[in-house]
């Protein structure tokens, strides 16, 4: 097991892709903190994991709330004795409104998708610095590259053609920048910071947000000719959290079945 004895925090882990990260990390021997605003769902997953003899704790916290995240990190360290990995998975996606491009909505997307990554990383940093080790894994998206996902899901009447989908892409481009900046700043403490950029993944959220014809078009243009399932992303996260990637930092792994190169 690649993560035996390690402790991982996963934000937005109560459902979807975050849930798959949690389950796979437990399979690999890690203890996991399931951090989510949906506390009952997080507790249900905790019970599922502990019933399988895994180690887990559910914590209700909002990634935009610095005090809640500080308390969360302390609770994890008190419970498990250390913090080895953080997956910054929480984001506005399940409730993404592709056609909404107001300034108010843009600020909401950035608050969760960008500042949430920063706040959670700052919360765990003192614990990782103290043990002189750690891996932070940020979740970006191939939406960070204009044109990587085509055709566009929706045209906007707003001047400049900006949509809610564009706001999501902008936020994920910022995540890649933050990843590289934090890698430089945290490296002296032996804390690695990398990112995963998933393609369109057949999560419950994707099926809710993205039109079926658009999904079919993406599958058709991918090099491997298939869609991603949530569990397909877990292996990359395990790799980045494990000692197999001990000398990798500041990198962004694209996992998209070849959409970005097609």
C-alpha atoms as a PDB file:
ATOM      1  CA  UNK A   1       0.000   0.000   0.000  1.00  0.00           C
ATOM      2  CA  UNK A   2       1.526   3.273  -1.175  1.00  0.00           C
ATOM      3  CA  UNK A   3       0.090   5.516   1.568  1.00  0.00           C
ATOM      4  CA  UNK A   4       0.453   3.299   4.616  1.00  0.00           C
ATOM      5  CA  UNK A   5       0.614   5.419   7.766  1.00  0.00           C
ATOM      6  CA  UNK A   6      -0.098   8.698   5.986  1.00  0.00           C
ATOM      7  CA  UNK A   7      -2.863  11.164   6.870  1.00  0.00           C
ATOM      8  CA  UNK A   8      -4.736  13.019   4.133  1.00  0.00           C
ATOM      9  CA  UNK A   9      -7.258  15.849   4.165  1.00  0.00           C
ATOM     10  CA  UNK A  10      -9.671  15.959   1.218  1.00  0.00           C
ATOM     11  CA  UNK A  11     -11.937  18.966   0.811  1.00  0.00           C
ATOM     12  CA  UNK A  12     -15.273  18.523  -0.901  1.00  0.00           C
ATOM     13  CA  UNK A  13     -15.006  14.795  -0.219  1.00  0.00           C
ATOM     14  CA  UNK A  14     -18.590  13.960   0.700  1.00  0.00           C
ATOM     15  CA  UNK A  15     -19.588  13.079  -2.854  1.00  0.00           C
ATOM     16  CA  UNK A  16     -18.418  12.820  -6.431  1.00  0.00           C
ATOM     17  CA  UNK A  17     -14.737  12.759  -7.304  1.00  0.00           C
ATOM     18  CA  UNK A  18     -13.720  13.799  -3.776  1.00  0.00           C
ATOM     19  CA  UNK A  19     -15.441  10.715  -2.406  1.00  0.00           C
ATOM     20  CA  UNK A  20     -13.432   8.539  -4.803  1.00  0.00           C
ATOM     21  CA  UNK A  21     -10.190  10.159  -3.643  1.00  0.00           C
ATOM     22  CA  UNK A  22     -11.109   9.335  -0.053  1.00  0.00           C
ATOM     23  CA  UNK A  23     -12.008   5.721  -0.767  1.00  0.00           C
ATOM     24  CA  UNK A  24      -8.850   5.104  -2.807  1.00  0.00           C
ATOM     25  CA  UNK A  25      -6.588   6.731  -0.209  1.00  0.00           C
ATOM     26  CA  UNK A  26      -8.052   4.462   2.460  1.00  0.00           C
ATOM     27  CA  UNK A  27      -7.450   1.445   0.211  1.00  0.00           C
ATOM     28  CA  UNK A  28      -3.810   2.551  -0.001  1.00  0.00           C
ATOM     29  CA  UNK A  29      -3.482   2.646   3.799  1.00  0.00           C
ATOM     30  CA  UNK A  30      -4.080   6.331   4.575  1.00  0.00           C
ATOM     31  CA  UNK A  31      -6.285   7.846   7.241  1.00  0.00           C
ATOM     32  CA  UNK A  32      -8.547  10.491   5.697  1.00  0.00           C
ATOM     33  CA  UNK A  33     -10.322  13.615   6.857  1.00  0.00           C
ATOM     34  CA  UNK A  34     -13.528  14.092   4.870  1.00  0.00           C
ATOM     35  CA  UNK A  35     -14.011  17.865   4.847  1.00  0.00           C
ATOM     36  CA  UNK A  36     -17.230  19.250   3.438  1.00  0.00           C
ATOM     37  CA  UNK A  37     -20.072  21.674   4.114  1.00  0.00           C
ATOM     38  CA  UNK A  38     -22.421  18.684   3.662  1.00  0.00           C
ATOM     39  CA  UNK A  39     -21.638  17.248   7.062  1.00  0.00           C
ATOM     40  CA  UNK A  40     -24.220  14.462   7.088  1.00  0.00           C
ATOM     41  CA  UNK A  41     -22.951  13.093   3.777  1.00  0.00           C
ATOM     42  CA  UNK A  42     -19.402  13.331   5.124  1.00  0.00           C
ATOM     43  CA  UNK A  43     -20.455  11.387   8.215  1.00  0.00           C
ATOM     44  CA  UNK A  44     -22.111   8.740   6.055  1.00  0.00           C
ATOM     45  CA  UNK A  45     -18.838   8.259   4.184  1.00  0.00           C
ATOM     46  CA  UNK A  46     -16.913   8.161   7.449  1.00  0.00           C
ATOM     47  CA  UNK A  47     -19.178   5.361   8.673  1.00  0.00           C
ATOM     48  CA  UNK A  48     -18.760   3.495   5.382  1.00  0.00           C
ATOM     49  CA  UNK A  49     -14.971   3.672   5.681  1.00  0.00           C
ATOM     50  CA  UNK A  50     -14.807   2.722   9.337  1.00  0.00           C
ATOM     51  CA  UNK A  51     -17.140  -0.220   8.669  1.00  0.00           C
ATOM     52  CA  UNK A  52     -14.425  -1.474   6.305  1.00  0.00           C
ATOM     53  CA  UNK A  53     -11.840  -1.084   9.093  1.00  0.00           C
ATOM     54  CA  UNK A  54     -10.424   2.104   7.573  1.00  0.00           C
ATOM     55  CA  UNK A  55      -9.596   5.285   9.441  1.00  0.00           C
ATOM     56  CA  UNK A  56     -11.617   8.420   8.723  1.00  0.00           C
ATOM     57  CA  UNK A  57     -13.059  11.504  10.333  1.00  0.00           C
ATOM     58  CA  UNK A  58     -15.815  13.752   8.962  1.00  0.00           C
ATOM     59  CA  UNK A  59     -15.440  17.480   9.525  1.00  0.00           C
ATOM     60  CA  UNK A  60     -17.841  20.221   8.523  1.00  0.00           C
ATOM     61  CA  UNK A  61     -15.947  23.212   7.173  1.00  0.00           C
ATOM     62  CA  UNK A  62     -16.317  25.865   4.482  1.00  0.00           C
ATOM     63  CA  UNK A  63     -13.138  26.435   2.445  1.00  0.00           C
ATOM     64  CA  UNK A  64     -13.873  30.156   2.302  1.00  0.00           C
ATOM     65  CA  UNK A  65     -13.778  30.418   6.109  1.00  0.00           C
ATOM     66  CA  UNK A  66     -10.224  30.772   7.414  1.00  0.00           C
ATOM     67  CA  UNK A  67     -11.141  30.136  11.061  1.00  0.00           C
ATOM     68  CA  UNK A  68     -13.035  26.950  10.213  1.00  0.00           C
ATOM     69  CA  UNK A  69     -10.100  25.639   8.188  1.00  0.00           C
ATOM     70  CA  UNK A  70      -7.624  26.397  10.969  1.00  0.00           C
ATOM     71  CA  UNK A  71      -9.837  24.508  13.418  1.00  0.00           C
ATOM     72  CA  UNK A  72     -10.175  21.660  10.915  1.00  0.00           C
ATOM     73  CA  UNK A  73      -6.406  21.274  10.506  1.00  0.00           C
ATOM     74  CA  UNK A  74      -5.921  21.257  14.269  1.00  0.00           C
ATOM     75  CA  UNK A  75      -8.637  18.638  14.696  1.00  0.00           C
ATOM     76  CA  UNK A  76      -7.005  16.369  12.095  1.00  0.00           C
ATOM     77  CA  UNK A  77      -3.556  16.742  13.660  1.00  0.00           C
ATOM     78  CA  UNK A  78      -4.967  16.096  17.135  1.00  0.00           C
ATOM     79  CA  UNK A  79      -6.852  13.024  15.913  1.00  0.00           C
ATOM     80  CA  UNK A  80      -4.197  11.371  13.735  1.00  0.00           C
ATOM     81  CA  UNK A  81      -0.967  12.993  14.931  1.00  0.00           C
ATOM     82  CA  UNK A  82       0.159  14.479  11.615  1.00  0.00           C
ATOM     83  CA  UNK A  83      -0.941  15.806   8.207  1.00  0.00           C
ATOM     84  CA  UNK A  84       0.814  14.339   5.170  1.00  0.00           C
ATOM     85  CA  UNK A  85      -1.399  15.324   2.255  1.00  0.00           C
ATOM     86  CA  UNK A  86      -4.065  17.823   1.315  1.00  0.00           C
ATOM     87  CA  UNK A  87      -6.260  17.505  -1.758  1.00  0.00           C
ATOM     88  CA  UNK A  88      -7.864  20.847  -2.563  1.00  0.00           C
ATOM     89  CA  UNK A  89     -10.857  19.319  -4.293  1.00  0.00           C
ATOM     90  CA  UNK A  90     -13.701  21.607  -3.124  1.00  0.00           C
ATOM     91  CA  UNK A  91     -14.929  23.883  -5.889  1.00  0.00           C
ATOM     92  CA  UNK A  92     -18.001  25.413  -7.426  1.00  0.00           C
ATOM     93  CA  UNK A  93     -18.832  22.822 -10.054  1.00  0.00           C
ATOM     94  CA  UNK A  94     -21.838  20.806  -8.963  1.00  0.00           C
ATOM     95  CA  UNK A  95     -23.752  24.089  -8.738  1.00  0.00           C
ATOM     96  CA  UNK A  96     -21.950  25.768 -11.657  1.00  0.00           C
ATOM     97  CA  UNK A  97     -24.217  28.030 -13.714  1.00  0.00           C
ATOM     98  CA  UNK A  98     -22.694  28.050 -17.194  1.00  0.00           C
ATOM     99  CA  UNK A  99     -24.695  31.002 -18.433  1.00  0.00           C
ATOM    100  CA  UNK A 100     -24.249  33.247 -15.416  1.00  0.00           C
ATOM    101  CA  UNK A 101     -21.451  35.793 -15.759  1.00  0.00           C
ATOM    102  CA  UNK A 102     -22.279  38.566 -13.301  1.00  0.00           C
ATOM    103  CA  UNK A 103     -19.556  40.165 -11.225  1.00  0.00           C
ATOM    104  CA  UNK A 104     -21.251  38.846  -8.089  1.00  0.00           C
ATOM    105  CA  UNK A 105     -21.183  35.289  -9.392  1.00  0.00           C
ATOM    106  CA  UNK A 106     -17.591  35.666 -10.560  1.00  0.00           C
ATOM    107  CA  UNK A 107     -16.535  36.678  -7.070  1.00  0.00           C
ATOM    108  CA  UNK A 108     -18.325  33.645  -5.625  1.00  0.00           C
ATOM    109  CA  UNK A 109     -16.515  31.285  -8.026  1.00  0.00           C
ATOM    110  CA  UNK A 110     -13.128  32.842  -7.223  1.00  0.00           C
ATOM    111  CA  UNK A 111     -13.804  32.801  -3.498  1.00  0.00           C
ATOM    112  CA  UNK A 112     -14.314  29.037  -3.472  1.00  0.00           C
ATOM    113  CA  UNK A 113     -12.133  27.834  -6.347  1.00  0.00           C
ATOM    114  CA  UNK A 114      -9.137  30.118  -5.816  1.00  0.00           C
ATOM    115  CA  UNK A 115      -9.086  31.544  -2.301  1.00  0.00           C
ATOM    116  CA  UNK A 116     -10.384  28.251  -0.895  1.00  0.00           C
ATOM    117  CA  UNK A 117      -7.239  26.542  -2.234  1.00  0.00           C
ATOM    118  CA  UNK A 118      -5.033  29.166  -0.645  1.00  0.00           C
ATOM    119  CA  UNK A 119      -6.795  29.127   2.730  1.00  0.00           C
ATOM    120  CA  UNK A 120      -6.788  25.341   3.069  1.00  0.00           C
ATOM    121  CA  UNK A 121      -3.111  25.210   2.113  1.00  0.00           C
ATOM    122  CA  UNK A 122      -2.234  27.898   4.638  1.00  0.00           C
ATOM    123  CA  UNK A 123      -4.165  25.971   7.302  1.00  0.00           C
ATOM    124  CA  UNK A 124      -2.102  22.790   6.878  1.00  0.00           C
ATOM    125  CA  UNK A 125       1.245  24.488   6.254  1.00  0.00           C
ATOM    126  CA  UNK A 126       2.323  24.845   9.938  1.00  0.00           C
ATOM    127  CA  UNK A 127       1.814  21.113  10.529  1.00  0.00           C
ATOM    128  CA  UNK A 128       3.658  20.079   7.381  1.00  0.00           C
ATOM    129  CA  UNK A 129       6.435  22.576   8.106  1.00  0.00           C
ATOM    130  CA  UNK A 130       6.852  21.155  11.604  1.00  0.00           C
ATOM    131  CA  UNK A 131       7.306  17.609  10.284  1.00  0.00           C
ATOM    132  CA  UNK A 132       9.347  18.910   7.306  1.00  0.00           C
ATOM    133  CA  UNK A 133       7.275  16.994   4.781  1.00  0.00           C
ATOM    134  CA  UNK A 134       3.959  17.099   2.993  1.00  0.00           C
ATOM    135  CA  UNK A 135       2.171  16.986  -0.336  1.00  0.00           C
ATOM    136  CA  UNK A 136      -0.474  19.479  -1.430  1.00  0.00           C
ATOM    137  CA  UNK A 137      -2.507  18.433  -4.461  1.00  0.00           C
ATOM    138  CA  UNK A 138      -4.602  21.112  -6.125  1.00  0.00           C
ATOM    139  CA  UNK A 139      -7.380  20.200  -8.531  1.00  0.00           C
ATOM    140  CA  UNK A 140      -7.281  22.323 -11.674  1.00  0.00           C
ATOM    141  CA  UNK A 141      -9.050  21.451 -14.955  1.00  0.00           C
ATOM    142  CA  UNK A 142      -8.351  21.353 -18.664  1.00  0.00           C
ATOM    143  CA  UNK A 143     -10.891  24.197 -18.717  1.00  0.00           C
ATOM    144  CA  UNK A 144      -7.906  26.330 -17.628  1.00  0.00           C
ATOM    145  CA  UNK A 145      -6.732  26.319 -21.266  1.00  0.00           C
ATOM    146  CA  UNK A 146      -9.068  28.200 -23.644  1.00  0.00           C
ATOM    147  CA  UNK A 147      -9.991  25.910 -26.508  1.00  0.00           C
ATOM    148  CA  UNK A 148      -9.041  22.691 -24.727  1.00  0.00           C
ATOM    149  CA  UNK A 149     -12.739  21.968 -24.347  1.00  0.00           C
ATOM    150  CA  UNK A 150     -14.614  22.633 -27.559  1.00  0.00           C
ATOM    151  CA  UNK A 151     -17.163  23.424 -28.791  1.00  0.00           C
ATOM    152  CA  UNK A 152     -18.058  25.927 -26.057  1.00  0.00           C
ATOM    153  CA  UNK A 153     -21.079  24.778 -24.041  1.00  0.00           C
ATOM    154  CA  UNK A 154     -22.894  28.093 -24.208  1.00  0.00           C
ATOM    155  CA  UNK A 155     -22.664  31.460 -25.912  1.00  0.00           C
ATOM    156  CA  UNK A 156     -22.968  34.571 -23.781  1.00  0.00           C
ATOM    157  CA  UNK A 157     -24.819  37.759 -24.613  1.00  0.00           C
ATOM    158  CA  UNK A 158     -22.531  39.633 -22.245  1.00  0.00           C
ATOM    159  CA  UNK A 159     -19.938  41.914 -23.837  1.00  0.00           C
ATOM    160  CA  UNK A 160     -16.689  40.035 -24.320  1.00  0.00           C
ATOM    161  CA  UNK A 161     -18.431  36.656 -24.505  1.00  0.00           C
ATOM    162  CA  UNK A 162     -17.731  35.688 -20.888  1.00  0.00           C
ATOM    163  CA  UNK A 163     -19.880  32.899 -19.445  1.00  0.00           C
ATOM    164  CA  UNK A 164     -20.080  31.130 -16.113  1.00  0.00           C
ATOM    165  CA  UNK A 165     -18.071  28.376 -17.783  1.00  0.00           C
ATOM    166  CA  UNK A 166     -15.344  30.904 -18.590  1.00  0.00           C
ATOM    167  CA  UNK A 167     -15.289  32.033 -14.958  1.00  0.00           C
ATOM    168  CA  UNK A 168     -14.728  28.407 -13.967  1.00  0.00           C
ATOM    169  CA  UNK A 169     -11.844  28.131 -16.450  1.00  0.00           C
ATOM    170  CA  UNK A 170     -10.284  31.370 -15.208  1.00  0.00           C
ATOM    171  CA  UNK A 171     -10.452  30.111 -11.637  1.00  0.00           C
ATOM    172  CA  UNK A 172      -8.739  26.849 -12.608  1.00  0.00           C
ATOM    173  CA  UNK A 173      -6.010  28.719 -14.489  1.00  0.00           C
ATOM    174  CA  UNK A 174      -5.400  30.594 -11.245  1.00  0.00           C
ATOM    175  CA  UNK A 175      -5.102  27.256  -9.429  1.00  0.00           C
ATOM    176  CA  UNK A 176      -2.231  26.271 -11.740  1.00  0.00           C
ATOM    177  CA  UNK A 177      -0.475  29.579 -11.021  1.00  0.00           C
ATOM    178  CA  UNK A 178      -0.997  29.129  -7.272  1.00  0.00           C
ATOM    179  CA  UNK A 179       0.390  25.589  -7.514  1.00  0.00           C
ATOM    180  CA  UNK A 180       3.647  26.792  -9.029  1.00  0.00           C
ATOM    181  CA  UNK A 181       3.944  29.755  -6.662  1.00  0.00           C
ATOM    182  CA  UNK A 182       3.348  27.643  -3.563  1.00  0.00           C
ATOM    183  CA  UNK A 183       5.790  25.011  -4.827  1.00  0.00           C
ATOM    184  CA  UNK A 184       8.507  27.659  -4.879  1.00  0.00           C
ATOM    185  CA  UNK A 185       7.582  29.094  -1.487  1.00  0.00           C
ATOM    186  CA  UNK A 186       6.976  25.811   0.353  1.00  0.00           C
ATOM    187  CA  UNK A 187       9.860  23.844  -1.137  1.00  0.00           C
ATOM    188  CA  UNK A 188      12.372  24.885   1.512  1.00  0.00           C
ATOM    189  CA  UNK A 189      10.139  23.156   4.061  1.00  0.00           C
ATOM    190  CA  UNK A 190      10.154  19.962   1.929  1.00  0.00           C
ATOM    191  CA  UNK A 191       6.477  20.460   1.086  1.00  0.00           C
ATOM    192  CA  UNK A 192       5.599  19.533  -2.471  1.00  0.00           C
ATOM    193  CA  UNK A 193       2.748  21.221  -4.351  1.00  0.00           C
ATOM    194  CA  UNK A 194       1.346  19.761  -7.559  1.00  0.00           C
ATOM    195  CA  UNK A 195      -1.925  19.845  -9.474  1.00  0.00           C
ATOM    196  CA  UNK A 196      -4.163  17.503 -11.416  1.00  0.00           C
ATOM    197  CA  UNK A 197      -6.092  18.882 -14.399  1.00  0.00           C
ATOM    198  CA  UNK A 198      -8.964  16.489 -15.115  1.00  0.00           C
ATOM    199  CA  UNK A 199     -10.884  16.419 -18.335  1.00  0.00           C
ATOM    200  CA  UNK A 200     -14.651  16.154 -18.306  1.00  0.00           C
ATOM    201  CA  UNK A 201     -15.410  13.367 -15.845  1.00  0.00           C
ATOM    202  CA  UNK A 202     -18.675  11.495 -15.654  1.00  0.00           C
ATOM    203  CA  UNK A 203     -19.505  12.511 -12.120  1.00  0.00           C
ATOM    204  CA  UNK A 204     -23.014  13.246 -10.936  1.00  0.00           C
ATOM    205  CA  UNK A 205     -22.110  16.931 -11.167  1.00  0.00           C
ATOM    206  CA  UNK A 206     -21.040  16.685 -14.817  1.00  0.00           C
ATOM    207  CA  UNK A 207     -24.237  14.937 -15.774  1.00  0.00           C
ATOM    208  CA  UNK A 208     -26.178  17.698 -14.039  1.00  0.00           C
ATOM    209  CA  UNK A 209     -24.254  20.658 -15.468  1.00  0.00           C
ATOM    210  CA  UNK A 210     -23.043  19.623 -18.941  1.00  0.00           C
ATOM    211  CA  UNK A 211     -25.327  18.884 -21.870  1.00  0.00           C
ATOM    212  CA  UNK A 212     -25.264  15.294 -23.116  1.00  0.00           C
ATOM    213  CA  UNK A 213     -24.439  16.287 -26.697  1.00  0.00           C
ATOM    214  CA  UNK A 214     -21.414  18.237 -25.472  1.00  0.00           C
ATOM    215  CA  UNK A 215     -20.176  15.218 -23.514  1.00  0.00           C
ATOM    216  CA  UNK A 216     -20.558  13.059 -26.618  1.00  0.00           C
ATOM    217  CA  UNK A 217     -18.547  15.576 -28.653  1.00  0.00           C
ATOM    218  CA  UNK A 218     -15.737  15.551 -26.091  1.00  0.00           C
ATOM    219  CA  UNK A 219     -15.589  11.769 -26.052  1.00  0.00           C
ATOM    220  CA  UNK A 220     -15.446  11.796 -29.833  1.00  0.00           C
ATOM    221  CA  UNK A 221     -12.490  14.189 -29.929  1.00  0.00           C
ATOM    222  CA  UNK A 222     -10.445  12.476 -27.205  1.00  0.00           C
ATOM    223  CA  UNK A 223      -7.384  10.471 -28.231  1.00  0.00           C
ATOM    224  CA  UNK A 224      -8.533   7.433 -26.249  1.00  0.00           C
ATOM    225  CA  UNK A 225     -12.154   7.759 -27.335  1.00  0.00           C
ATOM    226  CA  UNK A 226     -13.614   7.369 -23.863  1.00  0.00           C
ATOM    227  CA  UNK A 227     -14.940   9.388 -20.966  1.00  0.00           C
ATOM    228  CA  UNK A 228     -13.339   9.584 -17.537  1.00  0.00           C
ATOM    229  CA  UNK A 229     -15.058   8.125 -14.513  1.00  0.00           C
ATOM    230  CA  UNK A 230     -14.441   9.677 -11.067  1.00  0.00           C
ATOM    231  CA  UNK A 231     -12.269   6.780  -9.943  1.00  0.00           C
ATOM    232  CA  UNK A 232      -9.964   7.266 -12.953  1.00  0.00           C
ATOM    233  CA  UNK A 233      -8.506  10.355 -11.260  1.00  0.00           C
ATOM    234  CA  UNK A 234      -7.668   8.692  -7.950  1.00  0.00           C
ATOM    235  CA  UNK A 235      -4.481   7.010  -9.167  1.00  0.00           C
ATOM    236  CA  UNK A 236      -2.874  10.326 -10.080  1.00  0.00           C
ATOM    237  CA  UNK A 237      -3.713  11.683  -6.622  1.00  0.00           C
ATOM    238  CA  UNK A 238      -2.224   8.613  -4.922  1.00  0.00           C
ATOM    239  CA  UNK A 239       0.947   9.033  -6.998  1.00  0.00           C
ATOM    240  CA  UNK A 240       1.324  12.693  -6.029  1.00  0.00           C
ATOM    241  CA  UNK A 241       0.720  11.938  -2.346  1.00  0.00           C
ATOM    242  CA  UNK A 242       3.160   9.017  -2.275  1.00  0.00           C
ATOM    243  CA  UNK A 243       6.930   8.786  -2.144  1.00  0.00           C
ATOM    244  CA  UNK A 244       6.898   7.751  -5.824  1.00  0.00           C
ATOM    245  CA  UNK A 245       6.657  11.469  -6.674  1.00  0.00           C
ATOM    246  CA  UNK A 246       9.163  12.594  -4.014  1.00  0.00           C
ATOM    247  CA  UNK A 247      11.042  14.890  -6.412  1.00  0.00           C
ATOM    248  CA  UNK A 248       8.030  16.325  -8.230  1.00  0.00           C
ATOM    249  CA  UNK A 249       6.740  19.776  -7.356  1.00  0.00           C
ATOM    250  CA  UNK A 250       5.158  22.644  -9.252  1.00  0.00           C
ATOM    251  CA  UNK A 251       3.757  20.270 -11.880  1.00  0.00           C
ATOM    252  CA  UNK A 252       0.296  19.900 -13.366  1.00  0.00           C
ATOM    253  CA  UNK A 253      -0.704  16.401 -14.478  1.00  0.00           C
ATOM    254  CA  UNK A 254      -3.358  16.395 -17.189  1.00  0.00           C
ATOM    255  CA  UNK A 255      -5.696  13.398 -16.937  1.00  0.00           C
ATOM    256  CA  UNK A 256      -8.242  13.772 -19.729  1.00  0.00           C
ATOM    257  CA  UNK A 257      -8.106  10.719 -22.042  1.00  0.00           C
ATOM    258  CA  UNK A 258      -6.296  12.892 -24.568  1.00  0.00           C
ATOM    259  CA  UNK A 259      -8.812  15.717 -25.056  1.00  0.00           C
ATOM    260  CA  UNK A 260      -6.237  18.476 -24.688  1.00  0.00           C
ATOM    261  CA  UNK A 261      -3.942  17.057 -27.383  1.00  0.00           C
ATOM    262  CA  UNK A 262      -6.682  16.212 -29.860  1.00  0.00           C
END
